[in-house]
Amino acid sequence: MVKRITNVVFAGLGGQGVLKASDILAQAAFRQGFDVKKSEIHGMSQRGGSVTSDVRFGDEVLSPMVPEGETDYLVVLAPEEVDNNRGRLRDGGVLIKPDDIDATALPHAKSLNVALLGVLSAHLDLPESDWVEAIHAALPEKLHKLNDRAFAIGRSVGNKR
């Protein structure tokens, strides 16, 4: 029997919350009992450069790196990073990009990463409660309401796709 592994790549620029978003997904998957592996490439992230983070989860994951061309879900936070990372998607993979979200509807510009997680959550078989708990665990309490709203906006978009 082939064990299915879900491969997700987050891409963006330093300061956009790429690593935070990947931490939240990893935590949500871990809460469901999956084996989870995660890796990060920072580049010049402190200066607004490219940042990517791979998250793999399933029954058994041996490597944290998503093999080239095997990404099931590519979540991109910066429009200019779409073309740079599109080649990582497998045939039939799902691209989730910043223009999927109406930025004017977000409670705060910095909540785009959580809104895009909401879009992603509509594609993955992880309970919404695990996502919310993972978001709350990753962020200070004063940001919970704002990010709950951003997540709900993204989830609504994802459910309409």
Protein backbone atom coordinates (compact mmCIF):
# COMPACT_ATOMS: atom_id res chain seq x y z
CA MET A 1 0.00 0.00 0.00
CA VAL A 2 1.35 3.42 -0.98
CA LYS A 3 1.38 5.90 1.87
CA ARG A 4 0.19 9.33 0.75
CA ILE A 5 2.24 12.36 1.65
CA THR A 6 0.87 15.87 1.21
CA ASN A 7 3.45 18.36 -0.04
CA VAL A 8 2.93 22.09 0.57
CA VAL A 9 5.36 24.86 -0.33
CA PHE A 10 5.03 28.41 0.98
CA ALA A 11 6.88 31.16 -0.89
CA GLY A 12 7.16 34.89 -0.40
CA LEU A 13 9.44 37.63 0.80
CA GLY A 14 11.06 38.20 4.17
CA GLY A 15 8.64 39.72 6.66
CA GLN A 16 5.45 38.41 5.01
CA GLY A 17 4.90 35.57 7.45
CA VAL A 18 5.95 32.67 5.21
CA LEU A 19 7.60 30.82 8.10
CA LYS A 20 4.72 31.56 10.48
CA ALA A 21 2.22 30.19 7.93
CA SER A 22 4.25 26.99 7.51
CA ASP A 23 4.50 26.61 11.30
CA ILE A 24 0.71 26.88 11.58
CA LEU A 25 0.10 24.24 8.88
CA ALA A 26 2.67 21.93 10.48
CA GLN A 27 0.96 22.31 13.86
CA ALA A 28 -2.54 21.72 12.41
CA ALA A 29 -1.36 18.53 10.68
CA PHE A 30 0.51 17.36 13.79
CA ARG A 31 -2.69 17.80 15.84
CA GLN A 32 -4.29 15.17 13.58
CA GLY A 33 -1.50 12.71 14.34
CA PHE A 34 0.37 13.01 11.05
CA ASP A 35 4.12 12.68 10.77
CA VAL A 36 5.22 16.21 9.82
CA LYS A 37 8.52 17.46 8.43
CA LYS A 38 9.34 21.07 7.64
CA SER A 39 12.27 22.90 6.05
CA GLU A 40 13.05 26.53 5.29
CA ILE A 41 15.22 28.49 2.92
CA HIS A 42 15.73 32.04 4.13
CA GLY A 43 17.97 33.57 1.48
CA MET A 44 18.19 37.28 2.12
CA SER A 45 14.94 37.26 4.05
CA GLN A 46 16.06 39.91 6.53
CA ARG A 47 16.28 42.31 3.59
CA GLY A 48 12.98 41.39 1.95
CA GLY A 49 14.47 38.62 -0.18
CA SER A 50 12.91 35.31 -1.19
CA VAL A 51 11.81 32.88 1.50
CA THR A 52 10.40 29.40 1.02
CA SER A 53 9.25 26.78 3.45
CA ASP A 54 8.33 23.18 2.66
CA VAL A 55 5.83 21.26 4.80
CA ARG A 56 5.27 17.55 4.24
CA PHE A 57 2.82 15.45 6.21
CA GLY A 58 1.36 11.97 6.06
CA ASP A 59 1.63 8.56 7.70
CA GLU A 60 5.42 8.53 7.40
CA VAL A 61 7.59 11.32 6.00
CA LEU A 62 11.28 10.61 5.53
CA SER A 63 12.52 13.93 4.12
CA PRO A 64 11.56 17.52 4.94
CA MET A 65 12.22 18.77 1.38
CA VAL A 66 9.49 18.60 -1.25
CA PRO A 67 11.01 17.06 -4.39
CA GLU A 68 11.01 19.36 -7.43
CA GLY A 69 7.74 19.07 -9.34
CA GLU A 70 5.90 17.24 -6.54
CA THR A 71 4.24 20.15 -4.72
CA ASP A 72 0.53 19.50 -4.18
CA TYR A 73 -0.20 23.03 -2.92
CA LEU A 74 1.90 26.10 -3.62
CA VAL A 75 0.96 29.04 -1.39
CA VAL A 76 2.58 32.27 -2.60
CA LEU A 77 2.43 35.47 -0.55
CA ALA A 78 4.19 37.83 -2.99
CA PRO A 79 2.99 38.17 -6.60
CA GLU A 80 6.57 38.36 -7.89
CA GLU A 81 7.31 34.93 -6.38
CA VAL A 82 4.59 33.11 -8.37
CA ASP A 83 6.66 32.59 -11.52
CA ASN A 84 9.81 31.83 -9.50
CA ASN A 85 8.09 28.88 -7.80
CA ARG A 86 5.43 27.67 -10.26
CA GLY A 87 7.78 24.93 -11.55
CA ARG A 88 7.62 23.25 -8.15
CA LEU A 89 3.94 22.31 -8.67
CA ARG A 90 3.06 18.80 -9.80
CA ASP A 91 0.63 18.35 -12.67
CA GLY A 92 -2.78 19.09 -11.19
CA GLY A 93 -1.27 20.86 -8.17
CA VAL A 94 -3.06 23.86 -6.67
CA LEU A 95 -1.62 27.37 -6.80
CA ILE A 96 -2.86 29.71 -4.06
CA LYS A 97 -1.74 33.27 -4.70
CA PRO A 98 -2.18 36.70 -3.10
CA ASP A 99 -4.72 37.93 -5.63
CA ASP A 100 -7.08 35.12 -4.55
CA ILE A 101 -7.83 37.39 -1.57
CA ASP A 102 -9.37 40.85 -1.73
CA ALA A 103 -6.76 42.73 0.31
CA THR A 104 -9.28 45.46 1.15
CA ALA A 105 -11.43 42.88 2.97
CA LEU A 106 -8.60 41.88 5.31
CA PRO A 107 -8.61 43.24 8.86
CA HIS A 108 -4.89 44.06 8.48
CA ALA A 109 -2.43 43.82 5.59
CA LYS A 110 -0.14 41.57 7.63
CA SER A 111 -2.90 38.96 7.95
CA LEU A 112 -2.59 37.90 4.30
CA ASN A 113 -0.58 34.82 5.30
CA VAL A 114 -3.40 33.63 7.58
CA ALA A 115 -6.03 34.43 4.93
CA LEU A 116 -4.12 32.29 2.42
CA LEU A 117 -3.99 29.52 5.03
CA GLY A 118 -7.77 29.79 5.08
CA VAL A 119 -7.85 29.17 1.32
CA LEU A 120 -5.48 26.21 1.76
CA SER A 121 -7.57 24.80 4.61
CA ALA A 122 -10.54 24.37 2.26
CA HIS A 123 -8.42 21.92 0.22
CA LEU A 124 -7.03 19.84 3.09
CA ASP A 125 -8.81 17.31 5.24
CA LEU A 126 -7.83 18.91 8.56
CA PRO A 127 -10.57 20.06 10.95
CA GLU A 128 -11.14 23.80 11.12
CA SER A 129 -10.75 23.63 14.90
CA ASP A 130 -7.17 22.35 14.51
CA TRP A 131 -6.36 25.26 12.22
CA VAL A 132 -7.78 27.79 14.68
CA GLU A 133 -5.94 26.19 17.62
CA ALA A 134 -2.69 26.23 15.63
CA ILE A 135 -3.19 29.90 14.73
CA HIS A 136 -3.86 30.79 18.36
CA ALA A 137 -0.81 28.82 19.53
CA ALA A 138 1.42 30.63 17.02
CA LEU A 139 0.24 34.19 17.62
CA PRO A 140 -0.21 36.46 20.65
CA GLU A 141 -3.72 36.59 22.11
CA LYS A 142 -4.19 40.22 21.06
CA LEU A 143 -4.01 39.06 17.41
CA HIS A 144 -6.45 36.15 17.67
CA LYS A 145 -9.66 37.95 16.64
CA LEU A 146 -8.02 39.71 13.72
CA ASN A 147 -6.48 36.48 12.41
CA ASP A 148 -9.64 34.45 13.03
CA ARG A 149 -11.36 36.92 10.70
CA ALA A 150 -8.60 36.71 8.09
CA PHE A 151 -8.70 32.89 8.22
CA ALA A 152 -12.50 32.90 7.78
CA ILE A 153 -12.21 35.23 4.76
CA GLY A 154 -9.68 32.89 3.14
CA ARG A 155 -11.66 29.76 3.98
CA SER A 156 -14.73 31.31 2.36
CA VAL A 157 -12.71 32.00 -0.81
CA GLY A 158 -11.29 28.46 -0.77
CA ASN A 159 -14.73 26.90 -0.39
CA LYS A 160 -15.91 28.74 -3.53
CA ARG A 161 -13.03 27.46 -5.72
